[in-house]
Every structure is written in C-alpha cells, then in structure tokens.
Amino acid sequence: MVPSIIPDRVADLISQSLPSRVQLAVKSAADAEREVRRFRWPLGVEDRADREDALSRLAAANKVLAAHNPGLIVRIGGVR
C-alpha cells in the first residue's frame, strides 16, 4: 500500500474530529518520537536518561492511541 499525502487542511479537519485525549496523545507521541530520533550514539549518562524519558512518553501516548485506533500508533522512524 502506497501512503498518500493528505493536505494540511484535511488533516486538521480529521484531527478535530478526534477526542481531545487522543489529540493530545497524537501531539505527545509525535514530539517524543522526534526527540528520540535526535539522539546520536554514543550516548552519555544524561542523554540516556533523556532518551528513556522520551521513550516512556512515547509508550504512554501510544497506549492511548492504540485504545482508540491501533493504526494511529507512532513508531520511531515513522514506519507503520
């Protein structure tokens, strides 16, 4: 299946139809995924802790997303 590009305006309309907790989870998951990807190896002690914190936030957001619709789960690297 080839992913299609959705115009921003249409994506905004779709997101407005989601419950507020799911909207927050989508934003939180995207932010956490972006933060996880910014870390480069080798990681220092503080970077490891920050990365684990971001992974924890991603997991919590994905739990909400999966309960609403498993297709909304955010994976690191954007692979579905």
PDB file of N, CA and C in Angstrom:
ATOM      1  N   MET A   1       0.840  -1.175   0.000  1.00  0.00           N
ATOM      2  CA  MET A   1       0.000   0.000   0.000  1.00  0.00           C
ATOM      3  C   MET A   1       0.882   1.234   0.000  1.00  0.00           C
ATOM      4  N   VAL A   2       0.652   2.112  -0.926  1.00  0.00           N
ATOM      5  CA  VAL A   2       1.429   3.339  -1.041  1.00  0.00           C
ATOM      6  C   VAL A   2       0.743   4.436  -0.229  1.00  0.00           C
ATOM      7  N   PRO A   3       1.485   5.047   0.734  1.00  0.00           N
ATOM      8  CA  PRO A   3       0.851   6.123   1.509  1.00  0.00           C
ATOM      9  C   PRO A   3       0.575   7.332   0.627  1.00  0.00           C
ATOM     10  N   SER A   4      -0.545   7.969   0.862  1.00  0.00           N
ATOM     11  CA  SER A   4      -0.877   9.160   0.093  1.00  0.00           C
ATOM     12  C   SER A   4      -0.695  10.391   0.966  1.00  0.00           C
ATOM     13  N   ILE A   5      -0.422  11.501   0.334  1.00  0.00           N
ATOM     14  CA  ILE A   5      -0.215  12.750   1.041  1.00  0.00           C
ATOM     15  C   ILE A   5      -1.571  13.406   1.282  1.00  0.00           C
ATOM     16  N   ILE A   6      -1.815  13.764   2.544  1.00  0.00           N
ATOM     17  CA  ILE A   6      -3.067  14.422   2.909  1.00  0.00           C
ATOM     18  C   ILE A   6      -2.774  15.908   3.082  1.00  0.00           C
ATOM     19  N   PRO A   7      -3.522  16.774   2.426  1.00  0.00           N
ATOM     20  CA  PRO A   7      -3.297  18.213   2.614  1.00  0.00           C
ATOM     21  C   PRO A   7      -3.475  18.601   4.089  1.00  0.00           C
ATOM     22  N   ASP A   8      -2.731  19.607   4.528  1.00  0.00           N
ATOM     23  CA  ASP A   8      -2.769  20.036   5.924  1.00  0.00           C
ATOM     24  C   ASP A   8      -4.177  20.387   6.378  1.00  0.00           C
ATOM     25  N   ARG A   9      -4.921  21.029   5.518  1.00  0.00           N
ATOM     26  CA  ARG A   9      -6.286  21.439   5.863  1.00  0.00           C
ATOM     27  C   ARG A   9      -7.166  20.221   6.156  1.00  0.00           C
ATOM     28  N   VAL A  10      -7.023  19.187   5.363  1.00  0.00           N
ATOM     29  CA  VAL A  10      -7.798  17.960   5.563  1.00  0.00           C
ATOM     30  C   VAL A  10      -7.342  17.258   6.846  1.00  0.00           C
ATOM     31  N   ALA A  11      -6.035  17.221   7.082  1.00  0.00           N
ATOM     32  CA  ALA A  11      -5.518  16.608   8.304  1.00  0.00           C
ATOM     33  C   ALA A  11      -6.032  17.343   9.535  1.00  0.00           C
ATOM     34  N   ASP A  12      -6.127  18.668   9.474  1.00  0.00           N
ATOM     35  CA  ASP A  12      -6.673  19.455  10.580  1.00  0.00           C
ATOM     36  C   ASP A  12      -8.134  19.103  10.839  1.00  0.00           C
ATOM     37  N   LEU A  13      -8.910  18.955   9.779  1.00  0.00           N
ATOM     38  CA  LEU A  13     -10.323  18.587   9.938  1.00  0.00           C
ATOM     39  C   LEU A  13     -10.469  17.198  10.555  1.00  0.00           C
ATOM     40  N   ILE A  14      -9.625  16.280  10.131  1.00  0.00           N
ATOM     41  CA  ILE A  14      -9.668  14.927  10.682  1.00  0.00           C
ATOM     42  C   ILE A  14      -9.295  14.953  12.155  1.00  0.00           C
ATOM     43  N   SER A  15      -8.249  15.689  12.503  1.00  0.00           N
ATOM     44  CA  SER A  15      -7.806  15.713  13.897  1.00  0.00           C
ATOM     45  C   SER A  15      -8.831  16.386  14.807  1.00  0.00           C
ATOM     46  N   GLN A  16      -9.599  17.332  14.274  1.00  0.00           N
ATOM     47  CA  GLN A  16     -10.623  17.988  15.084  1.00  0.00           C
ATOM     48  C   GLN A  16     -11.764  17.040  15.444  1.00  0.00           C
ATOM     49  N   SER A  17     -11.921  15.980  14.675  1.00  0.00           N
ATOM     50  CA  SER A  17     -12.993  15.029  14.963  1.00  0.00           C
ATOM     51  C   SER A  17     -12.589  14.010  16.029  1.00  0.00           C
ATOM     52  N   LEU A  18     -11.315  13.989  16.391  1.00  0.00           N
ATOM     53  CA  LEU A  18     -10.837  13.058  17.414  1.00  0.00           C
ATOM     54  C   LEU A  18     -11.134  13.606  18.802  1.00  0.00           C
ATOM     55  N   PRO A  19     -11.319  12.720  19.793  1.00  0.00           N
ATOM     56  CA  PRO A  19     -11.481  13.189  21.169  1.00  0.00           C
ATOM     57  C   PRO A  19     -10.227  13.946  21.625  1.00  0.00           C
ATOM     58  N   SER A  20     -10.403  14.856  22.566  1.00  0.00           N
ATOM     59  CA  SER A  20      -9.281  15.702  22.990  1.00  0.00           C
ATOM     60  C   SER A  20      -8.122  14.892  23.564  1.00  0.00           C
ATOM     61  N   ARG A  21      -8.405  13.803  24.289  1.00  0.00           N
ATOM     62  CA  ARG A  21      -7.312  12.997  24.845  1.00  0.00           C
ATOM     63  C   ARG A  21      -6.504  12.340  23.731  1.00  0.00           C
ATOM     64  N   VAL A  22      -7.156  11.985  22.643  1.00  0.00           N
ATOM     65  CA  VAL A  22      -6.450  11.371  21.512  1.00  0.00           C
ATOM     66  C   VAL A  22      -5.642  12.439  20.768  1.00  0.00           C
ATOM     67  N   GLN A  23      -6.196  13.646  20.630  1.00  0.00           N
ATOM     68  CA  GLN A  23      -5.454  14.745  20.008  1.00  0.00           C
ATOM     69  C   GLN A  23      -4.177  15.033  20.790  1.00  0.00           C
ATOM     70  N   LEU A  24      -4.281  15.070  22.125  1.00  0.00           N
ATOM     71  CA  LEU A  24      -3.101  15.304  22.956  1.00  0.00           C
ATOM     72  C   LEU A  24      -2.097  14.169  22.821  1.00  0.00           C
ATOM     73  N   ALA A  25      -2.587  12.936  22.738  1.00  0.00           N
ATOM     74  CA  ALA A  25      -1.702  11.787  22.591  1.00  0.00           C
ATOM     75  C   ALA A  25      -0.978  11.812  21.246  1.00  0.00           C
ATOM     76  N   VAL A  26      -1.651  12.241  20.189  1.00  0.00           N
ATOM     77  CA  VAL A  26      -1.017  12.334  18.867  1.00  0.00           C
ATOM     78  C   VAL A  26       0.135  13.338  18.921  1.00  0.00           C
ATOM     79  N   LYS A  27      -0.115  14.495  19.525  1.00  0.00           N
ATOM     80  CA  LYS A  27       0.927  15.516  19.624  1.00  0.00           C
ATOM     81  C   LYS A  27       2.070  15.045  20.511  1.00  0.00           C
ATOM     82  N   SER A  28       1.749  14.447  21.643  1.00  0.00           N
ATOM     83  CA  SER A  28       2.770  13.963  22.566  1.00  0.00           C
ATOM     84  C   SER A  28       3.626  12.876  21.924  1.00  0.00           C
ATOM     85  N   ALA A  29       2.988  11.955  21.205  1.00  0.00           N
ATOM     86  CA  ALA A  29       3.726  10.878  20.546  1.00  0.00           C
ATOM     87  C   ALA A  29       4.649  11.428  19.464  1.00  0.00           C
ATOM     88  N   ALA A  30       4.171  12.375  18.688  1.00  0.00           N
ATOM     89  CA  ALA A  30       4.999  12.965  17.632  1.00  0.00           C
ATOM     90  C   ALA A  30       6.187  13.715  18.236  1.00  0.00           C
ATOM     91  N   ASP A  31       5.952  14.464  19.312  1.00  0.00           N
ATOM     92  CA  ASP A  31       7.041  15.185  19.967  1.00  0.00           C
ATOM     93  C   ASP A  31       8.079  14.231  20.554  1.00  0.00           C
ATOM     94  N   ALA A  32       7.605  13.180  21.221  1.00  0.00           N
ATOM     95  CA  ALA A  32       8.514  12.207  21.826  1.00  0.00           C
ATOM     96  C   ALA A  32       9.311  11.467  20.752  1.00  0.00           C
ATOM     97  N   GLU A  33       8.654  11.107  19.663  1.00  0.00           N
ATOM     98  CA  GLU A  33       9.353  10.398  18.570  1.00  0.00           C
ATOM     99  C   GLU A  33      10.441  11.283  17.969  1.00  0.00           C
ATOM    100  N   ARG A  34      10.130  12.549  17.783  1.00  0.00           N
ATOM    101  CA  ARG A  34      11.107  13.488  17.247  1.00  0.00           C
ATOM    102  C   ARG A  34      12.303  13.632  18.205  1.00  0.00           C
ATOM    103  N   GLU A  35      12.012  13.679  19.502  1.00  0.00           N
ATOM    104  CA  GLU A  35      13.084  13.813  20.489  1.00  0.00           C
ATOM    105  C   GLU A  35      13.964  12.560  20.539  1.00  0.00           C
ATOM    106  N   VAL A  36      13.369  11.395  20.459  1.00  0.00           N
ATOM    107  CA  VAL A  36      14.134  10.145  20.474  1.00  0.00           C
ATOM    108  C   VAL A  36      15.071  10.082  19.278  1.00  0.00           C
ATOM    109  N   ARG A  37      14.592  10.508  18.116  1.00  0.00           N
ATOM    110  CA  ARG A  37      15.419  10.439  16.903  1.00  0.00           C
ATOM    111  C   ARG A  37      16.574  11.416  16.902  1.00  0.00           C
ATOM    112  N   ARG A  38      16.526  12.462  17.731  1.00  0.00           N
ATOM    113  CA  ARG A  38      17.599  13.457  17.703  1.00  0.00           C
ATOM    114  C   ARG A  38      18.866  12.988  18.413  1.00  0.00           C
ATOM    115  N   PHE A  39      18.776  11.964  19.241  1.00  0.00           N
ATOM    116  CA  PHE A  39      19.950  11.472  19.969  1.00  0.00           C
ATOM    117  C   PHE A  39      20.863  10.688  19.033  1.00  0.00           C
ATOM    118  N   ARG A  40      22.152  10.909  19.192  1.00  0.00           N
ATOM    119  CA  ARG A  40      23.159  10.207  18.385  1.00  0.00           C
ATOM    120  C   ARG A  40      24.032   9.374  19.305  1.00  0.00           C
ATOM    121  N   TRP A  41      24.496   8.262  18.795  1.00  0.00           N
ATOM    122  CA  TRP A  41      25.344   7.359  19.569  1.00  0.00           C
ATOM    123  C   TRP A  41      26.781   7.814  19.503  1.00  0.00           C
ATOM    124  N   PRO A  42      27.601   7.603  20.473  1.00  0.00           N
ATOM    125  CA  PRO A  42      27.324   7.006  21.772  1.00  0.00           C
ATOM    126  C   PRO A  42      26.645   8.017  22.696  1.00  0.00           C
ATOM    127  N   LEU A  43      25.770   7.521  23.540  1.00  0.00           N
ATOM    128  CA  LEU A  43      25.022   8.371  24.453  1.00  0.00           C
ATOM    129  C   LEU A  43      25.729   8.470  25.798  1.00  0.00           C
ATOM    130  N   GLY A  44      25.730   9.683  26.345  1.00  0.00           N
ATOM    131  CA  GLY A  44      26.233   9.873  27.700  1.00  0.00           C
ATOM    132  C   GLY A  44      25.150   9.477  28.693  1.00  0.00           C
ATOM    133  N   VAL A  45      25.471   9.557  29.967  1.00  0.00           N
ATOM    134  CA  VAL A  45      24.531   9.158  31.012  1.00  0.00           C
ATOM    135  C   VAL A  45      23.276  10.036  30.974  1.00  0.00           C
ATOM    136  N   GLU A  46      23.440  11.346  30.861  1.00  0.00           N
ATOM    137  CA  GLU A  46      22.286  12.248  30.834  1.00  0.00           C
ATOM    138  C   GLU A  46      21.459  12.056  29.569  1.00  0.00           C
ATOM    139  N   ASP A  47      22.135  11.859  28.437  1.00  0.00           N
ATOM    140  CA  ASP A  47      21.407  11.631  27.189  1.00  0.00           C
ATOM    141  C   ASP A  47      20.600  10.337  27.251  1.00  0.00           C
ATOM    142  N   ARG A  48      21.185   9.303  27.867  1.00  0.00           N
ATOM    143  CA  ARG A  48      20.467   8.035  28.005  1.00  0.00           C
ATOM    144  C   ARG A  48      19.191   8.220  28.822  1.00  0.00           C
ATOM    145  N   ALA A  49      19.310   8.987  29.917  1.00  0.00           N
ATOM    146  CA  ALA A  49      18.144   9.236  30.767  1.00  0.00           C
ATOM    147  C   ALA A  49      17.085  10.042  30.014  1.00  0.00           C
ATOM    148  N   ASP A  50      17.512  11.048  29.249  1.00  0.00           N
ATOM    149  CA  ASP A  50      16.563  11.850  28.466  1.00  0.00           C
ATOM    150  C   ASP A  50      15.890  11.005  27.391  1.00  0.00           C
ATOM    151  N   ARG A  51      16.655  10.122  26.755  1.00  0.00           N
ATOM    152  CA  ARG A  51      16.091   9.258  25.719  1.00  0.00           C
ATOM    153  C   ARG A  51      15.072   8.297  26.321  1.00  0.00           C
ATOM    154  N   GLU A  52      15.398   7.722  27.471  1.00  0.00           N
ATOM    155  CA  GLU A  52      14.467   6.815  28.135  1.00  0.00           C
ATOM    156  C   GLU A  52      13.188   7.543  28.550  1.00  0.00           C
ATOM    157  N   ASP A  53      13.324   8.802  28.976  1.00  0.00           N
ATOM    158  CA  ASP A  53      12.149   9.602  29.330  1.00  0.00           C
ATOM    159  C   ASP A  53      11.266   9.818  28.096  1.00  0.00           C
ATOM    160  N   ALA A  54      11.894  10.136  26.974  1.00  0.00           N
ATOM    161  CA  ALA A  54      11.133  10.337  25.733  1.00  0.00           C
ATOM    162  C   ALA A  54      10.464   9.034  25.287  1.00  0.00           C
ATOM    163  N   LEU A  55      11.171   7.914  25.430  1.00  0.00           N
ATOM    164  CA  LEU A  55      10.575   6.621  25.072  1.00  0.00           C
ATOM    165  C   LEU A  55       9.388   6.297  25.976  1.00  0.00           C
ATOM    166  N   SER A  56       9.496   6.679  27.237  1.00  0.00           N
ATOM    167  CA  SER A  56       8.394   6.464  28.170  1.00  0.00           C
ATOM    168  C   SER A  56       7.173   7.292  27.779  1.00  0.00           C
ATOM    169  N   ARG A  57       7.397   8.561  27.393  1.00  0.00           N
ATOM    170  CA  ARG A  57       6.285   9.411  26.958  1.00  0.00           C
ATOM    171  C   ARG A  57       5.669   8.880  25.672  1.00  0.00           C
ATOM    172  N   LEU A  58       6.502   8.357  24.782  1.00  0.00           N
ATOM    173  CA  LEU A  58       6.008   7.773  23.533  1.00  0.00           C
ATOM    174  C   LEU A  58       5.141   6.542  23.829  1.00  0.00           C
ATOM    175  N   ALA A  59       5.580   5.703  24.745  1.00  0.00           N
ATOM    176  CA  ALA A  59       4.817   4.500  25.093  1.00  0.00           C
ATOM    177  C   ALA A  59       3.469   4.868  25.717  1.00  0.00           C
ATOM    178  N   ALA A  60       3.462   5.872  26.586  1.00  0.00           N
ATOM    179  CA  ALA A  60       2.207   6.289  27.219  1.00  0.00           C
ATOM    180  C   ALA A  60       1.234   6.857  26.190  1.00  0.00           C
ATOM    181  N   ALA A  61       1.749   7.656  25.272  1.00  0.00           N
ATOM    182  CA  ALA A  61       0.889   8.221  24.227  1.00  0.00           C
ATOM    183  C   ALA A  61       0.373   7.116  23.306  1.00  0.00           C
ATOM    184  N   ASN A  62       1.235   6.172  22.971  1.00  0.00           N
ATOM    185  CA  ASN A  62       0.820   5.071  22.096  1.00  0.00           C
ATOM    186  C   ASN A  62      -0.242   4.197  22.747  1.00  0.00           C
ATOM    187  N   LYS A  63      -0.226   4.104  24.068  1.00  0.00           N
ATOM    188  CA  LYS A  63      -1.249   3.324  24.767  1.00  0.00           C
ATOM    189  C   LYS A  63      -2.628   3.948  24.549  1.00  0.00           C
ATOM    190  N   VAL A  64      -2.700   5.267  24.621  1.00  0.00           N
ATOM    191  CA  VAL A  64      -3.965   5.971  24.382  1.00  0.00           C
ATOM    192  C   VAL A  64      -4.374   5.821  22.919  1.00  0.00           C
ATOM    193  N   LEU A  65      -3.402   5.982  22.013  1.00  0.00           N
ATOM    194  CA  LEU A  65      -3.693   5.886  20.580  1.00  0.00           C
ATOM    195  C   LEU A  65      -4.165   4.484  20.201  1.00  0.00           C
ATOM    196  N   ALA A  66      -3.517   3.471  20.748  1.00  0.00           N
ATOM    197  CA  ALA A  66      -3.893   2.090  20.424  1.00  0.00           C
ATOM    198  C   ALA A  66      -5.294   1.761  20.924  1.00  0.00           C
ATOM    199  N   ALA A  67      -5.665   2.334  22.054  1.00  0.00           N
ATOM    200  CA  ALA A  67      -7.012   2.094  22.575  1.00  0.00           C
ATOM    201  C   ALA A  67      -8.066   2.720  21.663  1.00  0.00           C
ATOM    202  N   HIS A  68      -7.725   3.837  21.036  1.00  0.00           N
ATOM    203  CA  HIS A  68      -8.677   4.499  20.138  1.00  0.00           C
ATOM    204  C   HIS A  68      -8.673   3.857  18.750  1.00  0.00           C
ATOM    205  N   ASN A  69      -7.461   3.689  18.198  1.00  0.00           N
ATOM    206  CA  ASN A  69      -7.318   3.103  16.865  1.00  0.00           C
ATOM    207  C   ASN A  69      -5.878   2.635  16.712  1.00  0.00           C
ATOM    208  N   PRO A  70      -5.622   1.333  16.621  1.00  0.00           N
ATOM    209  CA  PRO A  70      -4.249   0.821  16.515  1.00  0.00           C
ATOM    210  C   PRO A  70      -3.468   1.383  15.325  1.00  0.00           C
ATOM    211  N   GLY A  71      -4.147   1.876  14.320  1.00  0.00           N
ATOM    212  CA  GLY A  71      -3.466   2.462  13.171  1.00  0.00           C
ATOM    213  C   GLY A  71      -2.816   3.805  13.462  1.00  0.00           C
ATOM    214  N   LEU A  72      -3.123   4.398  14.605  1.00  0.00           N
ATOM    215  CA  LEU A  72      -2.552   5.698  14.969  1.00  0.00           C
ATOM    216  C   LEU A  72      -1.228   5.581  15.718  1.00  0.00           C
ATOM    217  N   ILE A  73      -0.821   4.380  16.073  1.00  0.00           N
ATOM    218  CA  ILE A  73       0.405   4.187  16.846  1.00  0.00           C
ATOM    219  C   ILE A  73       1.585   4.809  16.108  1.00  0.00           C
ATOM    220  N   VAL A  74       2.424   5.516  16.861  1.00  0.00           N
ATOM    221  CA  VAL A  74       3.617   6.169  16.303  1.00  0.00           C
ATOM    222  C   VAL A  74       4.824   5.299  16.606  1.00  0.00           C
ATOM    223  N   ARG A  75       5.575   4.976  15.566  1.00  0.00           N
ATOM    224  CA  ARG A  75       6.807   4.187  15.733  1.00  0.00           C
ATOM    225  C   ARG A  75       7.990   5.066  15.391  1.00  0.00           C
ATOM    226  N   ILE A  76       9.100   4.785  16.022  1.00  0.00           N
ATOM    227  CA  ILE A  76      10.303   5.572  15.780  1.00  0.00           C
ATOM    228  C   ILE A  76      10.734   5.352  14.338  1.00  0.00           C
ATOM    229  N   GLY A  77      10.980   6.428  13.642  1.00  0.00           N
ATOM    230  CA  GLY A  77      11.350   6.357  12.241  1.00  0.00           C
ATOM    231  C   GLY A  77      10.151   6.465  11.313  1.00  0.00           C
ATOM    232  N   GLY A  78       8.947   6.497  11.868  1.00  0.00           N
ATOM    233  CA  GLY A  78       7.750   6.703  11.082  1.00  0.00           C
ATOM    234  C   GLY A  78       7.260   5.474  10.342  1.00  0.00           C
ATOM    235  N   VAL A  79       7.859   4.297  10.582  1.00  0.00           N
ATOM    236  CA  VAL A  79       7.427   3.065   9.906  1.00  0.00           C
ATOM    237  C   VAL A  79       6.169   2.555  10.593  1.00  0.00           C
ATOM    238  N   ARG A  80       5.148   2.228   9.791  1.00  0.00           N
ATOM    239  CA  ARG A  80       3.892   1.718  10.373  1.00  0.00           C
ATOM    240  C   ARG A  80       3.762   0.254  10.157  1.00  0.00           C
TER     241      ARG A  80
END
